[in-house]
Amino acid sequence: MITTKEVVIDNNQNEKLDGQNEGLLYVCQRNYFDLFYEKKVPWHWHKELEVAYITSGDYVYSFPECRINVHRGDLLFIKIGRAHV
């Protein structure tokens, strides 16, 4: 599992993850959003499927056309190449 405290993106808004294994269609990571700078995440996308399991608190995932509120215990799937915050 990859643990992140910030979102690092390249010039194409693709998120770069430490320990990322090229060729895999998914990545498992633990994010500490409360430790991110100013608690903001930049618009980005992934070459992998993102599966987000909310372990505590509440969070809002934003997409170009909508926002989704997630809460502790929710599971969210974000398809490959989908821009989000």
PDB file of N, CA and C in Angstrom:
ATOM      1  N   MET A   1       0.846  -1.178   0.000  1.00  0.00           N
ATOM      2  CA  MET A   1       0.000   0.000   0.000  1.00  0.00           C
ATOM      3  C   MET A   1       0.889   1.238   0.000  1.00  0.00           C
ATOM      4  N   ILE A   2       0.504   2.228  -0.783  1.00  0.00           N
ATOM      5  CA  ILE A   2       1.213   3.496  -0.864  1.00  0.00           C
ATOM      6  C   ILE A   2       0.537   4.478   0.097  1.00  0.00           C
ATOM      7  N   THR A   3       1.317   5.184   0.896  1.00  0.00           N
ATOM      8  CA  THR A   3       0.770   6.202   1.789  1.00  0.00           C
ATOM      9  C   THR A   3       1.185   7.566   1.263  1.00  0.00           C
ATOM     10  N   THR A   4       0.213   8.457   1.066  1.00  0.00           N
ATOM     11  CA  THR A   4       0.518   9.778   0.523  1.00  0.00           C
ATOM     12  C   THR A   4       0.017  10.881   1.435  1.00  0.00           C
ATOM     13  N   LYS A   5       0.768  11.988   1.448  1.00  0.00           N
ATOM     14  CA  LYS A   5       0.370  13.168   2.201  1.00  0.00           C
ATOM     15  C   LYS A   5       0.245  14.380   1.284  1.00  0.00           C
ATOM     16  N   GLU A   6       0.435  14.159  -0.012  1.00  0.00           N
ATOM     17  CA  GLU A   6       0.258  15.208  -1.008  1.00  0.00           C
ATOM     18  C   GLU A   6      -0.014  14.561  -2.354  1.00  0.00           C
ATOM     19  N   VAL A   7      -0.602  15.320  -3.262  1.00  0.00           N
ATOM     20  CA  VAL A   7      -0.847  14.837  -4.618  1.00  0.00           C
ATOM     21  C   VAL A   7       0.159  15.521  -5.529  1.00  0.00           C
ATOM     22  N   VAL A   8       0.961  14.705  -6.219  1.00  0.00           N
ATOM     23  CA  VAL A   8       1.964  15.215  -7.149  1.00  0.00           C
ATOM     24  C   VAL A   8       1.488  14.864  -8.551  1.00  0.00           C
ATOM     25  N   ILE A   9       1.411  15.878  -9.420  1.00  0.00           N
ATOM     26  CA  ILE A   9       0.937  15.655 -10.784  1.00  0.00           C
ATOM     27  C   ILE A   9       1.998  16.080 -11.791  1.00  0.00           C
ATOM     28  N   ASP A  10       1.922  15.498 -12.997  1.00  0.00           N
ATOM     29  CA  ASP A  10       2.837  15.895 -14.059  1.00  0.00           C
ATOM     30  C   ASP A  10       2.196  17.006 -14.892  1.00  0.00           C
ATOM     31  N   ASN A  11       2.823  17.382 -15.999  1.00  0.00           N
ATOM     32  CA  ASN A  11       2.312  18.465 -16.850  1.00  0.00           C
ATOM     33  C   ASN A  11       0.971  18.148 -17.494  1.00  0.00           C
ATOM     34  N   ASN A  12       0.592  16.859 -17.532  1.00  0.00           N
ATOM     35  CA  ASN A  12      -0.685  16.440 -18.117  1.00  0.00           C
ATOM     36  C   ASN A  12      -1.763  16.208 -17.069  1.00  0.00           C
ATOM     37  N   GLN A  13      -1.525  16.618 -15.833  1.00  0.00           N
ATOM     38  CA  GLN A  13      -2.453  16.444 -14.706  1.00  0.00           C
ATOM     39  C   GLN A  13      -2.568  14.993 -14.258  1.00  0.00           C
ATOM     40  N   ASN A  14      -1.645  14.126 -14.697  1.00  0.00           N
ATOM     41  CA  ASN A  14      -1.632  12.723 -14.279  1.00  0.00           C
ATOM     42  C   ASN A  14      -0.966  12.636 -12.914  1.00  0.00           C
ATOM     43  N   GLU A  15      -1.637  12.011 -11.941  1.00  0.00           N
ATOM     44  CA  GLU A  15      -1.058  11.881 -10.602  1.00  0.00           C
ATOM     45  C   GLU A  15       0.117  10.909 -10.633  1.00  0.00           C
ATOM     46  N   LYS A  16       1.217  11.310 -10.036  1.00  0.00           N
ATOM     47  CA  LYS A  16       2.407  10.473  -9.939  1.00  0.00           C
ATOM     48  C   LYS A  16       2.487   9.929  -8.521  1.00  0.00           C
ATOM     49  N   LEU A  17       2.532   8.610  -8.393  1.00  0.00           N
ATOM     50  CA  LEU A  17       2.561   7.972  -7.088  1.00  0.00           C
ATOM     51  C   LEU A  17       3.904   7.298  -6.844  1.00  0.00           C
ATOM     52  N   ASP A  18       4.500   7.525  -5.665  1.00  0.00           N
ATOM     53  CA  ASP A  18       5.709   6.808  -5.293  1.00  0.00           C
ATOM     54  C   ASP A  18       5.380   5.326  -5.199  1.00  0.00           C
ATOM     55  N   GLY A  19       6.223   4.479  -5.729  1.00  0.00           N
ATOM     56  CA  GLY A  19       6.001   3.047  -5.652  1.00  0.00           C
ATOM     57  C   GLY A  19       4.997   2.527  -6.658  1.00  0.00           C
ATOM     58  N   GLN A  20       4.588   3.378  -7.583  1.00  0.00           N
ATOM     59  CA  GLN A  20       3.604   2.989  -8.596  1.00  0.00           C
ATOM     60  C   GLN A  20       4.229   1.944  -9.519  1.00  0.00           C
ATOM     61  N   ASN A  21       3.480   0.897  -9.808  1.00  0.00           N
ATOM     62  CA  ASN A  21       3.962  -0.178 -10.662  1.00  0.00           C
ATOM     63  C   ASN A  21       3.334  -0.018 -12.042  1.00  0.00           C
ATOM     64  N   GLU A  22       4.137   0.349 -13.020  1.00  0.00           N
ATOM     65  CA  GLU A  22       3.628   0.505 -14.382  1.00  0.00           C
ATOM     66  C   GLU A  22       2.999  -0.797 -14.864  1.00  0.00           C
ATOM     67  N   GLY A  23       1.901  -0.709 -15.540  1.00  0.00           N
ATOM     68  CA  GLY A  23       1.249  -1.879 -16.093  1.00  0.00           C
ATOM     69  C   GLY A  23       0.076  -2.377 -15.262  1.00  0.00           C
ATOM     70  N   LEU A  24       0.015  -1.992 -13.984  1.00  0.00           N
ATOM     71  CA  LEU A  24      -1.130  -2.389 -13.173  1.00  0.00           C
ATOM     72  C   LEU A  24      -2.318  -1.486 -13.497  1.00  0.00           C
ATOM     73  N   LEU A  25      -3.510  -2.033 -13.432  1.00  0.00           N
ATOM     74  CA  LEU A  25      -4.711  -1.254 -13.738  1.00  0.00           C
ATOM     75  C   LEU A  25      -5.352  -0.654 -12.489  1.00  0.00           C
ATOM     76  N   TYR A  26      -4.735  -0.848 -11.351  1.00  0.00           N
ATOM     77  CA  TYR A  26      -5.254  -0.274 -10.115  1.00  0.00           C
ATOM     78  C   TYR A  26      -4.077   0.047  -9.198  1.00  0.00           C
ATOM     79  N   VAL A  27      -4.331   0.854  -8.202  1.00  0.00           N
ATOM     80  CA  VAL A  27      -3.318   1.162  -7.201  1.00  0.00           C
ATOM     81  C   VAL A  27      -4.007   1.247  -5.844  1.00  0.00           C
ATOM     82  N   CYS A  28      -3.340   0.775  -4.826  1.00  0.00           N
ATOM     83  CA  CYS A  28      -3.869   0.842  -3.471  1.00  0.00           C
ATOM     84  C   CYS A  28      -3.055   1.880  -2.721  1.00  0.00           C
ATOM     85  N   GLN A  29      -3.722   2.897  -2.221  1.00  0.00           N
ATOM     86  CA  GLN A  29      -3.001   3.928  -1.502  1.00  0.00           C
ATOM     87  C   GLN A  29      -3.835   4.434  -0.342  1.00  0.00           C
ATOM     88  N   ARG A  30      -3.150   4.995   0.651  1.00  0.00           N
ATOM     89  CA  ARG A  30      -3.830   5.605   1.788  1.00  0.00           C
ATOM     90  C   ARG A  30      -3.497   7.087   1.756  1.00  0.00           C
ATOM     91  N   ASN A  31      -4.535   7.906   1.699  1.00  0.00           N
ATOM     92  CA  ASN A  31      -4.357   9.359   1.672  1.00  0.00           C
ATOM     93  C   ASN A  31      -4.696   9.960   3.018  1.00  0.00           C
ATOM     94  N   TYR A  32      -3.897  10.907   3.425  1.00  0.00           N
ATOM     95  CA  TYR A  32      -4.167  11.666   4.641  1.00  0.00           C
ATOM     96  C   TYR A  32      -4.533  13.083   4.219  1.00  0.00           C
ATOM     97  N   PHE A  33      -5.785  13.258   3.798  1.00  0.00           N
ATOM     98  CA  PHE A  33      -6.212  14.553   3.270  1.00  0.00           C
ATOM     99  C   PHE A  33      -6.052  15.677   4.280  1.00  0.00           C
ATOM    100  N   ASP A  34      -6.192  15.378   5.564  1.00  0.00           N
ATOM    101  CA  ASP A  34      -6.067  16.424   6.578  1.00  0.00           C
ATOM    102  C   ASP A  34      -4.640  16.951   6.693  1.00  0.00           C
ATOM    103  N   LEU A  35      -3.652  16.247   6.128  1.00  0.00           N
ATOM    104  CA  LEU A  35      -2.267  16.701   6.167  1.00  0.00           C
ATOM    105  C   LEU A  35      -1.832  17.388   4.882  1.00  0.00           C
ATOM    106  N   PHE A  36      -2.676  17.361   3.849  1.00  0.00           N
ATOM    107  CA  PHE A  36      -2.338  18.003   2.578  1.00  0.00           C
ATOM    108  C   PHE A  36      -2.236  19.508   2.782  1.00  0.00           C
ATOM    109  N   TYR A  37      -1.359  20.137   2.006  1.00  0.00           N
ATOM    110  CA  TYR A  37      -1.188  21.581   2.067  1.00  0.00           C
ATOM    111  C   TYR A  37      -2.522  22.279   1.844  1.00  0.00           C
ATOM    112  N   GLU A  38      -2.927  23.103   2.783  1.00  0.00           N
ATOM    113  CA  GLU A  38      -4.191  23.839   2.748  1.00  0.00           C
ATOM    114  C   GLU A  38      -5.382  22.922   2.487  1.00  0.00           C
ATOM    115  N   LYS A  39      -5.199  21.609   2.678  1.00  0.00           N
ATOM    116  CA  LYS A  39      -6.263  20.627   2.507  1.00  0.00           C
ATOM    117  C   LYS A  39      -6.895  20.679   1.119  1.00  0.00           C
ATOM    118  N   LYS A  40      -6.088  21.009   0.114  1.00  0.00           N
ATOM    119  CA  LYS A  40      -6.573  21.074  -1.270  1.00  0.00           C
ATOM    120  C   LYS A  40      -5.860  20.035  -2.116  1.00  0.00           C
ATOM    121  N   VAL A  41      -6.589  19.460  -3.036  1.00  0.00           N
ATOM    122  CA  VAL A  41      -6.045  18.489  -3.980  1.00  0.00           C
ATOM    123  C   VAL A  41      -6.250  19.078  -5.372  1.00  0.00           C
ATOM    124  N   PRO A  42      -5.214  19.088  -6.233  1.00  0.00           N
ATOM    125  CA  PRO A  42      -5.385  19.641  -7.577  1.00  0.00           C
ATOM    126  C   PRO A  42      -6.193  18.705  -8.481  1.00  0.00           C
ATOM    127  N   TRP A  43      -6.817  19.270  -9.523  1.00  0.00           N
ATOM    128  CA  TRP A  43      -7.467  18.433 -10.535  1.00  0.00           C
ATOM    129  C   TRP A  43      -6.424  17.470 -11.067  1.00  0.00           C
ATOM    130  N   HIS A  44      -6.810  16.200 -11.189  1.00  0.00           N
ATOM    131  CA  HIS A  44      -5.882  15.191 -11.686  1.00  0.00           C
ATOM    132  C   HIS A  44      -6.658  13.984 -12.198  1.00  0.00           C
ATOM    133  N   TRP A  45      -5.932  13.043 -12.759  1.00  0.00           N
ATOM    134  CA  TRP A  45      -6.498  11.796 -13.253  1.00  0.00           C
ATOM    135  C   TRP A  45      -5.450  10.708 -13.061  1.00  0.00           C
ATOM    136  N   HIS A  46      -5.831   9.453 -13.319  1.00  0.00           N
ATOM    137  CA  HIS A  46      -4.929   8.317 -13.137  1.00  0.00           C
ATOM    138  C   HIS A  46      -4.961   7.413 -14.360  1.00  0.00           C
ATOM    139  N   LYS A  47      -3.854   6.714 -14.565  1.00  0.00           N
ATOM    140  CA  LYS A  47      -3.812   5.658 -15.577  1.00  0.00           C
ATOM    141  C   LYS A  47      -4.411   4.379 -15.002  1.00  0.00           C
ATOM    142  N   GLU A  48      -4.729   4.403 -13.704  1.00  0.00           N
ATOM    143  CA  GLU A  48      -5.266   3.238 -13.007  1.00  0.00           C
ATOM    144  C   GLU A  48      -6.675   3.538 -12.504  1.00  0.00           C
ATOM    145  N   LEU A  49      -7.419   2.481 -12.242  1.00  0.00           N
ATOM    146  CA  LEU A  49      -8.713   2.596 -11.585  1.00  0.00           C
ATOM    147  C   LEU A  49      -8.459   3.069 -10.157  1.00  0.00           C
ATOM    148  N   GLU A  50      -9.219   4.044  -9.695  1.00  0.00           N
ATOM    149  CA  GLU A  50      -9.098   4.488  -8.308  1.00  0.00           C
ATOM    150  C   GLU A  50     -10.264   3.915  -7.515  1.00  0.00           C
ATOM    151  N   VAL A  51      -9.930   3.251  -6.433  1.00  0.00           N
ATOM    152  CA  VAL A  51     -10.927   2.727  -5.510  1.00  0.00           C
ATOM    153  C   VAL A  51     -10.682   3.442  -4.188  1.00  0.00           C
ATOM    154  N   ALA A  52     -11.659   4.211  -3.760  1.00  0.00           N
ATOM    155  CA  ALA A  52     -11.520   4.982  -2.523  1.00  0.00           C
ATOM    156  C   ALA A  52     -12.476   4.441  -1.471  1.00  0.00           C
ATOM    157  N   TYR A  53     -11.920   3.990  -0.358  1.00  0.00           N
ATOM    158  CA  TYR A  53     -12.722   3.565   0.782  1.00  0.00           C
ATOM    159  C   TYR A  53     -12.533   4.612   1.868  1.00  0.00           C
ATOM    160  N   ILE A  54     -13.610   5.206   2.305  1.00  0.00           N
ATOM    161  CA  ILE A  54     -13.540   6.294   3.282  1.00  0.00           C
ATOM    162  C   ILE A  54     -13.521   5.682   4.682  1.00  0.00           C
ATOM    163  N   THR A  55     -12.380   5.822   5.374  1.00  0.00           N
ATOM    164  CA  THR A  55     -12.218   5.205   6.692  1.00  0.00           C
ATOM    165  C   THR A  55     -12.670   6.114   7.826  1.00  0.00           C
ATOM    166  N   SER A  56     -12.710   7.419   7.571  1.00  0.00           N
ATOM    167  CA  SER A  56     -13.174   8.344   8.609  1.00  0.00           C
ATOM    168  C   SER A  56     -13.573   9.666   7.970  1.00  0.00           C
ATOM    169  N   GLY A  57     -14.436  10.384   8.655  1.00  0.00           N
ATOM    170  CA  GLY A  57     -14.821  11.720   8.229  1.00  0.00           C
ATOM    171  C   GLY A  57     -15.670  11.754   6.973  1.00  0.00           C
ATOM    172  N   ASP A  58     -15.707  12.939   6.391  1.00  0.00           N
ATOM    173  CA  ASP A  58     -16.475  13.213   5.181  1.00  0.00           C
ATOM    174  C   ASP A  58     -15.560  13.876   4.168  1.00  0.00           C
ATOM    175  N   TYR A  59     -15.866  13.695   2.900  1.00  0.00           N
ATOM    176  CA  TYR A  59     -15.064  14.288   1.834  1.00  0.00           C
ATOM    177  C   TYR A  59     -15.966  14.519   0.632  1.00  0.00           C
ATOM    178  N   VAL A  60     -15.600  15.475  -0.199  1.00  0.00           N
ATOM    179  CA  VAL A  60     -16.344  15.749  -1.425  1.00  0.00           C
ATOM    180  C   VAL A  60     -15.422  15.480  -2.608  1.00  0.00           C
ATOM    181  N   TYR A  61     -15.813  14.543  -3.459  1.00  0.00           N
ATOM    182  CA  TYR A  61     -15.111  14.308  -4.721  1.00  0.00           C
ATOM    183  C   TYR A  61     -15.810  15.147  -5.771  1.00  0.00           C
ATOM    184  N   SER A  62     -15.027  15.942  -6.507  1.00  0.00           N
ATOM    185  CA  SER A  62     -15.585  16.780  -7.569  1.00  0.00           C
ATOM    186  C   SER A  62     -15.160  16.259  -8.927  1.00  0.00           C
ATOM    187  N   PHE A  63     -16.097  16.274  -9.856  1.00  0.00           N
ATOM    188  CA  PHE A  63     -15.884  15.904 -11.245  1.00  0.00           C
ATOM    189  C   PHE A  63     -16.330  17.097 -12.082  1.00  0.00           C
ATOM    190  N   PRO A  64     -15.955  17.179 -13.363  1.00  0.00           N
ATOM    191  CA  PRO A  64     -16.346  18.346 -14.157  1.00  0.00           C
ATOM    192  C   PRO A  64     -17.844  18.642 -14.139  1.00  0.00           C
ATOM    193  N   GLU A  65     -18.697  17.620 -14.064  1.00  0.00           N
ATOM    194  CA  GLU A  65     -20.143  17.859 -14.145  1.00  0.00           C
ATOM    195  C   GLU A  65     -20.895  17.654 -12.833  1.00  0.00           C
ATOM    196  N   CYS A  66     -20.206  17.197 -11.772  1.00  0.00           N
ATOM    197  CA  CYS A  66     -20.930  16.960 -10.514  1.00  0.00           C
ATOM    198  C   CYS A  66     -19.975  16.848  -9.331  1.00  0.00           C
ATOM    199  N   ARG A  67     -20.564  16.825  -8.139  1.00  0.00           N
ATOM    200  CA  ARG A  67     -19.829  16.605  -6.898  1.00  0.00           C
ATOM    201  C   ARG A  67     -20.496  15.446  -6.167  1.00  0.00           C
ATOM    202  N   ILE A  68     -19.693  14.625  -5.510  1.00  0.00           N
ATOM    203  CA  ILE A  68     -20.218  13.489  -4.761  1.00  0.00           C
ATOM    204  C   ILE A  68     -19.729  13.575  -3.324  1.00  0.00           C
ATOM    205  N   ASN A  69     -20.662  13.587  -2.377  1.00  0.00           N
ATOM    206  CA  ASN A  69     -20.326  13.588  -0.960  1.00  0.00           C
ATOM    207  C   ASN A  69     -20.125  12.148  -0.514  1.00  0.00           C
ATOM    208  N   VAL A  70     -18.994  11.881   0.123  1.00  0.00           N
ATOM    209  CA  VAL A  70     -18.729  10.547   0.647  1.00  0.00           C
ATOM    210  C   VAL A  70     -18.509  10.639   2.147  1.00  0.00           C
ATOM    211  N   HIS A  71     -18.803   9.552   2.832  1.00  0.00           N
ATOM    212  CA  HIS A  71     -18.742   9.512   4.292  1.00  0.00           C
ATOM    213  C   HIS A  71     -18.074   8.222   4.738  1.00  0.00           C
ATOM    214  N   ARG A  72     -17.718   8.164   6.001  1.00  0.00           N
ATOM    215  CA  ARG A  72     -17.092   6.971   6.569  1.00  0.00           C
ATOM    216  C   ARG A  72     -17.870   5.721   6.156  1.00  0.00           C
ATOM    217  N   GLY A  73     -17.134   4.738   5.637  1.00  0.00           N
ATOM    218  CA  GLY A  73     -17.740   3.479   5.214  1.00  0.00           C
ATOM    219  C   GLY A  73     -18.123   3.428   3.745  1.00  0.00           C
ATOM    220  N   ASP A  74     -18.077   4.567   3.037  1.00  0.00           N
ATOM    221  CA  ASP A  74     -18.415   4.591   1.613  1.00  0.00           C
ATOM    222  C   ASP A  74     -17.265   4.035   0.777  1.00  0.00           C
ATOM    223  N   LEU A  75     -17.623   3.491  -0.380  1.00  0.00           N
ATOM    224  CA  LEU A  75     -16.668   2.982  -1.351  1.00  0.00           C
ATOM    225  C   LEU A  75     -16.957   3.680  -2.679  1.00  0.00           C
ATOM    226  N   LEU A  76     -15.933   4.236  -3.301  1.00  0.00           N
ATOM    227  CA  LEU A  76     -16.095   4.989  -4.539  1.00  0.00           C
ATOM    228  C   LEU A  76     -15.129   4.448  -5.578  1.00  0.00           C
ATOM    229  N   PHE A  77     -15.620   4.215  -6.788  1.00  0.00           N
ATOM    230  CA  PHE A  77     -14.795   3.769  -7.908  1.00  0.00           C
ATOM    231  C   PHE A  77     -14.706   4.911  -8.919  1.00  0.00           C
ATOM    232  N   ILE A  78     -13.489   5.266  -9.323  1.00  0.00           N
ATOM    233  CA  ILE A  78     -13.294   6.309 -10.319  1.00  0.00           C
ATOM    234  C   ILE A  78     -12.559   5.682 -11.500  1.00  0.00           C
ATOM    235  N   LYS A  79     -13.213   5.723 -12.668  1.00  0.00           N
ATOM    236  CA  LYS A  79     -12.655   5.012 -13.831  1.00  0.00           C
ATOM    237  C   LYS A  79     -11.353   5.629 -14.316  1.00  0.00           C
ATOM    238  N   ILE A  80     -10.611   4.846 -15.044  1.00  0.00           N
ATOM    239  CA  ILE A  80      -9.313   5.247 -15.598  1.00  0.00           C
ATOM    240  C   ILE A  80      -9.486   6.484 -16.468  1.00  0.00           C
ATOM    241  N   GLY A  81      -8.598   7.465 -16.275  1.00  0.00           N
ATOM    242  CA  GLY A  81      -8.600   8.675 -17.089  1.00  0.00           C
ATOM    243  C   GLY A  81      -9.626   9.717 -16.709  1.00  0.00           C
ATOM    244  N   ARG A  82     -10.372   9.509 -15.631  1.00  0.00           N
ATOM    245  CA  ARG A  82     -11.445  10.428 -15.213  1.00  0.00           C
ATOM    246  C   ARG A  82     -10.875  11.554 -14.365  1.00  0.00           C
ATOM    247  N   ALA A  83     -11.014  12.804 -14.824  1.00  0.00           N
ATOM    248  CA  ALA A  83     -10.524  13.959 -14.059  1.00  0.00           C
ATOM    249  C   ALA A  83     -11.381  14.147 -12.802  1.00  0.00           C
ATOM    250  N   HIS A  84     -10.707  14.443 -11.700  1.00  0.00           N
ATOM    251  CA  HIS A  84     -11.418  14.636 -10.436  1.00  0.00           C
ATOM    252  C   HIS A  84     -10.545  15.392  -9.435  1.00  0.00           C
ATOM    253  N   VAL A  85     -11.186  15.834  -8.396  1.00  0.00           N
ATOM    254  CA  VAL A  85     -10.501  16.474  -7.257  1.00  0.00           C
ATOM    255  C   VAL A  85     -11.026  15.814  -6.015  1.00  0.00           C
TER     256      VAL A  85
END
